[in-house]
Amino acid sequence: MNELKGRSLVSITDYTKEEIIHILDMAEEFEKNQRQKILDGYVISSLFFEPSTRTRLSFESAVQYLGGSVIGFASADTTSVRKGESLKDTILTVSNYSDLIIMRNPIDGSARYASEVSPVPIINAGDGANQHPTQCLLDLYSIRKTQGSLDNIHIAMIGDLKYGRTVHSLVQALSLFGATFHFVSPESLKMPSSVKTWIKKAGLEYHQYTDIMDIMPIADILYMTRIQGERFPDPLEYEKVKNLYILENSMLAPSKETMRVLHPLPRVNEITEDVDDNPKAYYFQQAKNGVYVRQALLAAILGLK
């Protein structure tokens, strides 16, 4: 599918339903054969202005499994950004050294701006509380693997739905597949009205709850999120809600046998460690799936598959 060649990925809405399925199908191929040296001679820049473990390392792992080279930084503190260099100048400079740029930045909209000024494709690895499209794709891949299909699932999203960029992207994507959404959060962390409007425009349903047990028998996917203290303008508000939703193993008893627990990670205390040994826990495999999906993305955007 040459339509993806040379295109940036800033928001999951940049891709059609067919293009999403194409990436997931390619990821399946990479899961079967991860070491394909199709990136030999390519240089990929990894620019992380904000901390990351899974996203940065899985991207860099994906590049190296494919035989490419990675340059970049894991903290802006060691770069000319600290001297006052603008994002535009950083992107224009780094694009001279690379075939594609992967970027995480704490400012909403920064990835879109970077894609507009960059002569090489940009992959958004997270821009503030806005979007995280590659996490969304690996979530979709994980849902399809565990449920057999993306069509008409019941997904429960729990925790920080206001600042959680992963759930914002996932709602937009699953709206293409007829999902029913179940949102569990405190009043102060409800899903933004813009995301709920998106669901309504798609002709789909969403339901809101404050008790996690209300959705336990319903959900095909339980998508837990961390309450993100770093995104709260008022630390006192964070203290009020940080421990409201903690998933324990015993709580999974009423859930469907086929239900799976996902989490974009890192977790703090919202999933207790006794859940890890439950066959319904899928979050570490979910993280592993990120390598296959990001291999597929790199191959598609660079026109190698």
Protein backbone atom coordinates (compact mmCIF):
# COMPACT_ATOMS: atom_id res chain seq x y z
CA MET A 1 0.00 0.00 0.00
CA ASN A 2 2.15 2.86 -1.34
CA GLU A 3 -0.36 5.46 -0.05
CA LEU A 4 1.49 5.54 3.30
CA LYS A 5 4.92 6.15 1.79
CA GLY A 6 6.41 9.47 2.87
CA ARG A 7 3.43 10.39 5.06
CA SER A 8 3.74 11.54 8.65
CA LEU A 9 1.63 9.94 11.39
CA VAL A 10 0.49 12.62 13.82
CA SER A 11 -3.02 11.49 14.75
CA ILE A 12 -4.70 8.12 14.36
CA THR A 13 -7.27 9.99 12.26
CA ASP A 14 -4.56 10.48 9.62
CA TYR A 15 -5.16 6.84 8.65
CA THR A 16 -8.27 5.33 7.13
CA LYS A 17 -9.80 2.13 8.46
CA GLU A 18 -8.22 0.23 5.56
CA GLU A 19 -4.78 1.72 6.25
CA ILE A 20 -5.03 0.79 9.93
CA ILE A 21 -5.91 -2.81 9.03
CA HIS A 22 -2.99 -2.85 6.57
CA ILE A 23 -0.55 -1.85 9.34
CA LEU A 24 -1.97 -4.50 11.68
CA ASP A 25 -1.66 -7.17 8.98
CA MET A 26 1.96 -6.15 8.39
CA ALA A 27 2.63 -6.30 12.13
CA GLU A 28 1.45 -9.92 12.10
CA GLU A 29 4.07 -10.66 9.47
CA PHE A 30 6.79 -9.04 11.57
CA GLU A 31 5.69 -11.03 14.61
CA LYS A 32 6.37 -14.18 12.60
CA ASN A 33 9.69 -12.90 11.23
CA GLN A 34 11.07 -10.01 13.25
CA ARG A 35 14.60 -9.87 11.85
CA GLN A 36 14.35 -8.49 8.32
CA LYS A 37 17.22 -6.21 7.29
CA ILE A 38 15.09 -3.91 5.16
CA LEU A 39 16.32 -0.73 6.94
CA ASP A 40 19.98 -1.34 6.11
CA GLY A 41 21.48 2.07 5.27
CA TYR A 42 18.59 4.06 6.79
CA VAL A 43 19.03 6.48 9.71
CA ILE A 44 16.10 7.11 12.05
CA SER A 45 16.07 10.00 14.55
CA SER A 46 14.51 9.42 17.96
CA LEU A 47 13.77 12.78 19.61
CA PHE A 48 12.26 12.42 23.08
CA PHE A 49 11.69 15.76 24.78
CA GLU A 50 9.72 13.91 27.49
CA PRO A 51 10.52 10.70 29.44
CA SER A 52 9.65 7.34 27.89
CA THR A 53 10.58 3.71 28.37
CA ARG A 54 8.38 1.48 26.18
CA THR A 55 7.72 3.85 23.28
CA ARG A 56 11.34 4.95 22.86
CA LEU A 57 12.94 1.55 23.39
CA SER A 58 10.41 -0.36 21.28
CA PHE A 59 10.93 2.08 18.39
CA GLU A 60 14.70 1.80 18.70
CA SER A 61 14.40 -1.98 18.97
CA ALA A 62 12.20 -2.02 15.86
CA VAL A 63 14.79 -0.03 13.90
CA GLN A 64 17.66 -2.26 14.97
CA TYR A 65 15.79 -5.53 14.30
CA LEU A 66 15.30 -4.18 10.77
CA GLY A 67 18.99 -3.34 10.36
CA GLY A 68 18.72 0.46 10.58
CA SER A 69 20.62 3.01 12.67
CA VAL A 70 19.20 5.24 15.42
CA ILE A 71 20.39 8.70 16.43
CA GLY A 72 18.77 11.17 18.81
CA PHE A 73 18.24 11.89 22.48
CA ALA A 74 16.20 10.70 25.44
CA SER A 75 16.20 14.10 27.18
CA ALA A 76 16.15 17.62 25.78
CA ASP A 77 18.40 18.69 28.66
CA THR A 78 21.44 17.47 26.74
CA THR A 79 20.58 19.30 23.51
CA SER A 80 20.55 22.83 22.10
CA VAL A 81 16.90 23.10 23.14
CA ARG A 82 18.27 23.98 26.56
CA LYS A 83 20.06 26.92 24.92
CA GLY A 84 16.78 28.16 23.50
CA GLU A 85 16.71 26.49 20.09
CA SER A 86 13.19 26.43 18.62
CA LEU A 87 11.37 23.23 17.71
CA LYS A 88 11.41 24.31 14.06
CA ASP A 89 15.19 24.70 14.05
CA THR A 90 15.68 21.37 15.84
CA ILE A 91 13.50 19.54 13.31
CA LEU A 92 15.06 21.21 10.26
CA THR A 93 18.54 20.43 11.56
CA VAL A 94 17.87 16.81 12.51
CA SER A 95 16.08 16.14 9.21
CA ASN A 96 19.44 16.71 7.51
CA TYR A 97 20.78 13.65 9.29
CA SER A 98 17.89 11.19 9.01
CA ASP A 99 15.28 9.55 6.79
CA LEU A 100 12.48 9.74 9.38
CA ILE A 101 11.95 11.41 12.77
CA ILE A 102 10.17 9.87 15.77
CA MET A 103 9.25 12.59 18.26
CA ARG A 104 7.70 12.86 21.71
CA ASN A 105 7.04 16.35 23.05
CA PRO A 106 5.03 17.55 26.08
CA ILE A 107 3.26 20.31 24.11
CA ASP A 108 -0.13 19.54 22.54
CA GLY A 109 0.03 20.07 18.79
CA SER A 110 3.84 19.99 18.59
CA ALA A 111 3.86 16.89 16.39
CA ARG A 112 1.49 18.46 13.85
CA TYR A 113 3.68 21.56 13.73
CA ALA A 114 6.82 19.43 13.30
CA SER A 115 5.20 17.52 10.42
CA GLU A 116 4.41 20.81 8.68
CA VAL A 117 7.99 22.09 8.77
CA SER A 118 9.89 18.80 8.34
CA PRO A 119 11.09 17.60 4.91
CA VAL A 120 11.12 14.00 6.21
CA PRO A 121 8.19 12.07 7.76
CA ILE A 122 7.37 12.58 11.44
CA ILE A 123 5.92 9.85 13.66
CA ASN A 124 4.20 11.25 16.73
CA ALA A 125 5.31 9.30 19.81
CA GLY A 126 3.05 11.40 22.05
CA ASP A 127 2.31 15.14 22.17
CA GLY A 128 1.18 16.25 25.60
CA ALA A 129 -2.32 15.07 26.49
CA ASN A 130 -3.33 15.16 22.84
CA GLN A 131 -2.51 12.05 20.77
CA HIS A 132 -0.44 8.86 20.89
CA PRO A 133 -1.22 7.15 17.57
CA THR A 134 1.43 4.40 17.68
CA GLN A 135 0.23 3.30 21.12
CA CYS A 136 -3.25 3.24 19.63
CA LEU A 137 -2.11 0.95 16.82
CA LEU A 138 -0.46 -1.52 19.19
CA ASP A 139 -3.60 -1.42 21.36
CA LEU A 140 -5.68 -2.27 18.30
CA TYR A 141 -3.28 -5.08 17.43
CA SER A 142 -3.56 -6.44 20.99
CA ILE A 143 -7.36 -6.24 20.95
CA ARG A 144 -7.55 -8.04 17.61
CA LYS A 145 -5.17 -10.78 18.79
CA THR A 146 -7.11 -11.41 22.00
CA GLN A 147 -10.67 -11.00 20.70
CA GLY A 148 -10.23 -12.29 17.16
CA SER A 149 -11.74 -9.12 15.71
CA LEU A 150 -11.97 -5.37 16.25
CA ASP A 151 -15.66 -5.25 15.34
CA ASN A 152 -18.39 -4.35 17.85
CA ILE A 153 -16.39 -4.85 21.04
CA HIS A 154 -17.34 -3.49 24.46
CA ILE A 155 -14.34 -1.60 25.82
CA ALA A 156 -14.13 -0.19 29.34
CA MET A 157 -11.65 2.66 29.90
CA ILE A 158 -10.77 3.33 33.52
CA GLY A 159 -8.98 6.16 35.33
CA ASP A 160 -7.55 9.28 33.77
CA LEU A 161 -9.77 9.87 30.77
CA LYS A 162 -9.25 13.64 30.71
CA TYR A 163 -5.46 13.78 30.26
CA GLY A 164 -4.96 10.25 28.88
CA ARG A 165 -3.83 10.69 25.28
CA THR A 166 -3.87 6.92 24.72
CA VAL A 167 -7.62 6.65 25.36
CA HIS A 168 -8.37 9.68 23.18
CA SER A 169 -6.64 8.06 20.20
CA LEU A 170 -8.17 4.66 20.90
CA VAL A 171 -11.73 5.99 20.99
CA GLN A 172 -11.24 7.63 17.60
CA ALA A 173 -9.86 4.43 16.09
CA LEU A 174 -12.41 2.02 17.59
CA SER A 175 -15.21 4.28 16.39
CA LEU A 176 -14.35 2.96 12.92
CA PHE A 177 -15.17 -0.57 14.11
CA GLY A 178 -18.51 -0.06 15.86
CA ALA A 179 -17.32 -0.25 19.48
CA THR A 180 -19.45 0.47 22.53
CA PHE A 181 -17.57 2.56 25.09
CA HIS A 182 -17.78 2.34 28.88
CA PHE A 183 -16.00 5.17 30.72
CA VAL A 184 -15.12 4.81 34.40
CA SER A 185 -13.61 7.88 36.07
CA PRO A 186 -14.06 10.47 38.79
CA GLU A 187 -16.01 13.56 37.80
CA SER A 188 -12.82 15.61 37.49
CA LEU A 189 -11.23 13.17 35.00
CA LYS A 190 -14.15 12.47 32.66
CA MET A 191 -13.59 11.90 28.97
CA PRO A 192 -13.47 15.31 27.23
CA SER A 193 -16.66 16.43 25.52
CA SER A 194 -14.85 16.64 22.17
CA VAL A 195 -14.13 12.88 22.32
CA LYS A 196 -17.70 12.07 23.32
CA THR A 197 -18.95 14.22 20.42
CA TRP A 198 -16.76 12.12 18.12
CA ILE A 199 -18.55 8.98 19.34
CA LYS A 200 -21.98 10.54 18.82
CA LYS A 201 -21.10 11.62 15.28
CA ALA A 202 -20.11 8.02 14.55
CA GLY A 203 -23.59 6.94 15.68
CA LEU A 204 -22.19 4.89 18.57
CA GLU A 205 -22.92 4.59 22.29
CA TYR A 206 -20.95 5.52 25.36
CA HIS A 207 -21.82 5.04 29.02
CA GLN A 208 -20.27 6.71 32.07
CA TYR A 209 -19.69 5.16 35.51
CA THR A 210 -17.86 5.85 38.73
CA ASP A 211 -17.68 2.23 39.98
CA ILE A 212 -15.35 -0.16 38.15
CA MET A 213 -17.41 -3.20 39.18
CA ASP A 214 -20.40 -1.94 37.19
CA ILE A 215 -18.64 -2.74 33.93
CA MET A 216 -16.83 -5.93 34.95
CA PRO A 217 -19.40 -8.41 33.50
CA ILE A 218 -19.82 -6.32 30.33
CA ALA A 219 -16.33 -5.57 29.06
CA ASP A 220 -14.41 -7.48 26.39
CA ILE A 221 -11.41 -5.25 27.11
CA LEU A 222 -10.58 -3.57 30.41
CA TYR A 223 -8.26 -0.67 29.57
CA MET A 224 -6.65 0.62 32.75
CA THR A 225 -4.81 3.96 32.84
CA ARG A 226 -2.47 5.65 35.28
CA ILE A 227 -3.65 8.81 37.02
CA GLN A 228 -1.03 11.16 35.58
CA GLY A 229 0.19 13.43 38.34
CA GLU A 230 2.48 15.33 35.97
CA ARG A 231 -0.49 16.62 33.94
CA PHE A 232 -2.43 18.10 36.88
CA PRO A 233 -2.14 21.88 37.21
CA ASP A 234 -3.09 21.54 40.91
CA PRO A 235 -1.20 18.89 42.95
CA LEU A 236 -4.01 18.83 45.53
CA GLU A 237 -6.48 17.68 42.89
CA TYR A 238 -4.13 14.83 42.02
CA GLU A 239 -3.94 13.75 45.66
CA LYS A 240 -7.75 13.50 45.78
CA VAL A 241 -8.01 11.02 42.89
CA LYS A 242 -4.70 9.16 42.63
CA ASN A 243 -5.89 5.98 44.38
CA LEU A 244 -9.53 5.86 43.30
CA TYR A 245 -9.22 2.93 40.89
CA ILE A 246 -7.05 -0.01 41.86
CA LEU A 247 -7.65 -3.31 40.07
CA GLU A 248 -7.11 -6.41 42.23
CA ASN A 249 -7.19 -10.02 41.07
CA SER A 250 -10.34 -10.88 43.02
CA MET A 251 -12.24 -8.15 41.18
CA LEU A 252 -11.90 -10.02 37.87
CA ALA A 253 -14.14 -12.91 39.01
CA PRO A 254 -17.36 -11.60 37.36
CA SER A 255 -15.63 -10.82 34.05
CA LYS A 256 -15.96 -12.77 30.81
CA GLU A 257 -13.55 -15.67 30.31
CA THR A 258 -12.30 -13.99 27.12
CA MET A 259 -11.88 -10.54 28.68
CA ARG A 260 -8.33 -9.13 28.71
CA VAL A 261 -6.77 -6.37 30.80
CA LEU A 262 -4.73 -3.81 28.87
CA HIS A 263 -2.65 -0.91 30.19
CA PRO A 264 -0.39 1.45 28.19
CA LEU A 265 2.07 1.39 31.12
CA PRO A 266 3.84 2.48 33.24
CA ARG A 267 1.61 1.39 36.08
CA VAL A 268 2.00 2.84 39.54
CA ASN A 269 -0.51 1.13 41.82
CA GLU A 270 -3.65 0.96 39.67
CA ILE A 271 -3.12 -2.77 38.97
CA THR A 272 -1.90 -4.86 41.88
CA GLU A 273 0.82 -7.42 41.16
CA ASP A 274 -1.49 -10.34 41.95
CA VAL A 275 -3.25 -9.62 38.65
CA ASP A 276 -0.05 -10.34 36.69
CA ASP A 277 -0.45 -14.11 36.94
CA ASN A 278 -4.09 -14.07 35.86
CA PRO A 279 -4.44 -15.27 32.23
CA LYS A 280 -6.65 -12.23 31.64
CA ALA A 281 -3.65 -9.91 32.20
CA TYR A 282 -2.24 -8.95 28.80
CA TYR A 283 -0.36 -5.67 29.39
CA PHE A 284 3.20 -7.00 29.14
CA GLN A 285 2.43 -8.84 25.89
CA GLN A 286 0.72 -5.64 24.77
CA ALA A 287 4.03 -3.79 25.27
CA LYS A 288 5.85 -6.48 23.28
CA ASN A 289 3.37 -6.07 20.44
CA GLY A 290 4.57 -2.48 20.13
CA VAL A 291 7.77 -3.63 18.42
CA TYR A 292 5.90 -5.46 15.63
CA VAL A 293 3.52 -2.56 15.03
CA ARG A 294 6.33 -0.01 14.94
CA GLN A 295 8.30 -2.20 12.53
CA ALA A 296 5.25 -2.20 10.27
CA LEU A 297 4.93 1.58 10.50
CA LEU A 298 8.57 2.22 9.65
CA ALA A 299 8.41 -0.16 6.70
CA ALA A 300 5.19 1.39 5.37
CA ILE A 301 6.18 5.05 5.75
CA LEU A 302 9.60 4.48 4.21
CA GLY A 303 7.97 2.58 1.34
CA LEU A 304 9.81 -0.68 2.01
CA LYS A 305 6.73 -2.93 2.27
